[in-house]
Protein backbone atom coordinates (compact mmCIF):
# COMPACT_ATOMS: atom_id res chain seq x y z
CA UNK A 1 -17.51 -0.76 55.43
CA UNK A 2 -20.16 -2.41 54.48
CA UNK A 3 -21.51 -1.06 50.90
CA UNK A 4 -24.52 0.21 50.08
CA UNK A 5 -26.19 0.15 53.73
CA UNK A 6 -27.08 2.65 56.19
CA UNK A 7 -24.67 3.14 58.86
CA UNK A 8 -21.32 5.40 59.99
CA UNK A 9 -17.89 5.83 58.87
CA UNK A 10 -17.24 2.27 58.72
CA UNK A 11 -20.65 1.92 56.09
CA UNK A 12 -20.32 4.89 54.00
CA UNK A 13 -20.79 3.86 50.24
CA UNK A 14 -17.08 4.79 48.41
CA UNK A 15 -15.33 3.83 45.69
CA UNK A 16 -11.01 3.78 45.38
CA UNK A 17 -10.35 7.15 43.71
CA UNK A 18 -7.32 6.92 41.42
CA UNK A 19 -4.36 7.77 43.40
CA UNK A 20 -5.18 5.73 46.68
CA UNK A 21 -7.85 6.47 49.58
CA UNK A 22 -11.56 6.22 49.48
CA UNK A 23 -13.68 8.52 48.18
CA UNK A 24 -16.97 8.96 49.86
CA UNK A 25 -20.24 8.78 48.18
CA UNK A 26 -22.90 9.17 50.46
CA UNK A 27 -23.32 10.19 54.24
CA UNK A 28 -26.18 9.55 55.81
CA UNK A 29 -27.23 12.89 57.52
CA UNK A 30 -28.72 11.05 60.81
CA UNK A 31 -25.31 9.33 61.70
CA UNK A 32 -21.84 10.22 62.93
CA UNK A 33 -20.19 10.68 59.76
CA UNK A 34 -22.10 13.36 58.89
CA UNK A 35 -21.74 14.97 62.25
CA UNK A 36 -18.01 14.90 62.43
CA UNK A 37 -18.33 16.87 59.32
CA UNK A 38 -17.97 14.01 56.06
CA UNK A 39 -18.93 15.13 52.63
CA UNK A 40 -20.05 12.94 49.04
CA UNK A 41 -16.66 13.01 47.23
CA UNK A 42 -14.00 13.74 50.25
CA UNK A 43 -11.16 10.81 49.65
CA UNK A 44 -10.39 9.43 53.65
CA UNK A 45 -6.90 9.09 53.45
CA UNK A 46 -5.73 8.01 56.69
CA UNK A 47 -7.61 6.78 59.81
CA UNK A 48 -5.52 7.60 63.62
CA UNK A 49 -2.19 8.23 61.47
CA UNK A 50 -2.57 4.64 59.42
CA UNK A 51 -2.77 5.64 55.91
CA UNK A 52 -5.87 4.36 53.65
CA UNK A 53 -4.94 3.29 50.35
CA UNK A 54 -8.38 1.67 49.85
CA UNK A 55 -11.99 0.31 51.03
CA UNK A 56 -10.89 -2.72 52.26
CA UNK A 57 -7.34 -0.42 54.32
CA UNK A 58 -10.29 1.86 55.71
CA UNK A 59 -12.16 -0.86 57.55
CA UNK A 60 -8.66 -2.46 58.56
CA UNK A 61 -7.97 1.01 60.47
CA UNK A 62 -11.51 1.01 61.72
CA UNK A 63 -11.98 -2.74 62.71
CA UNK A 64 -9.85 -2.39 66.31
CA UNK A 65 -11.51 1.23 67.09
CA UNK A 66 -13.76 0.93 70.07
CA UNK A 67 -17.68 2.28 69.05
CA UNK A 68 -17.83 5.61 70.65
CA UNK A 69 -13.99 6.19 70.12
CA UNK A 70 -12.88 9.47 68.79
CA UNK A 71 -10.01 9.03 65.91
CA UNK A 72 -8.98 11.42 63.57
CA UNK A 73 -9.44 10.71 59.79
CA UNK A 74 -6.97 12.67 57.15
CA UNK A 75 -9.48 13.58 54.08
CA UNK A 76 -8.77 15.74 50.90
CA UNK A 77 -11.49 17.76 49.99
CA UNK A 78 -11.45 19.52 46.63
CA UNK A 79 -7.25 18.98 46.69
CA UNK A 80 -7.20 20.43 50.34
CA UNK A 81 -6.39 17.70 53.09
CA UNK A 82 -7.48 18.34 56.56
CA UNK A 83 -8.31 16.22 59.57
CA UNK A 84 -11.94 15.25 61.11
CA UNK A 85 -12.72 13.77 64.29
CA UNK A 86 -14.82 10.72 63.96
CA UNK A 87 -16.99 8.84 66.77
CA UNK A 88 -16.62 5.19 65.94
CA UNK A 89 -20.52 4.29 65.53
CA UNK A 90 -21.60 0.48 66.73
């Protein structure tokens, strides 16, 4: 993930919330993250079964995923846990 640049889930601006995970701060409406249903303030907690504890662990979990691959991403939204299917961007 690169903070402050447009792109997919790899590049969603985020910060680390209390308790771990990666908080989504901005989702570009024209990219795969928006199409998957991500919203500002979601907390990403896992990618393809791997726990996400920070921005670095989110980047690591996505690093080996090929563009076009759909992966389950666990999130917490307003206290509710759910899973979204995200297609990895280039």
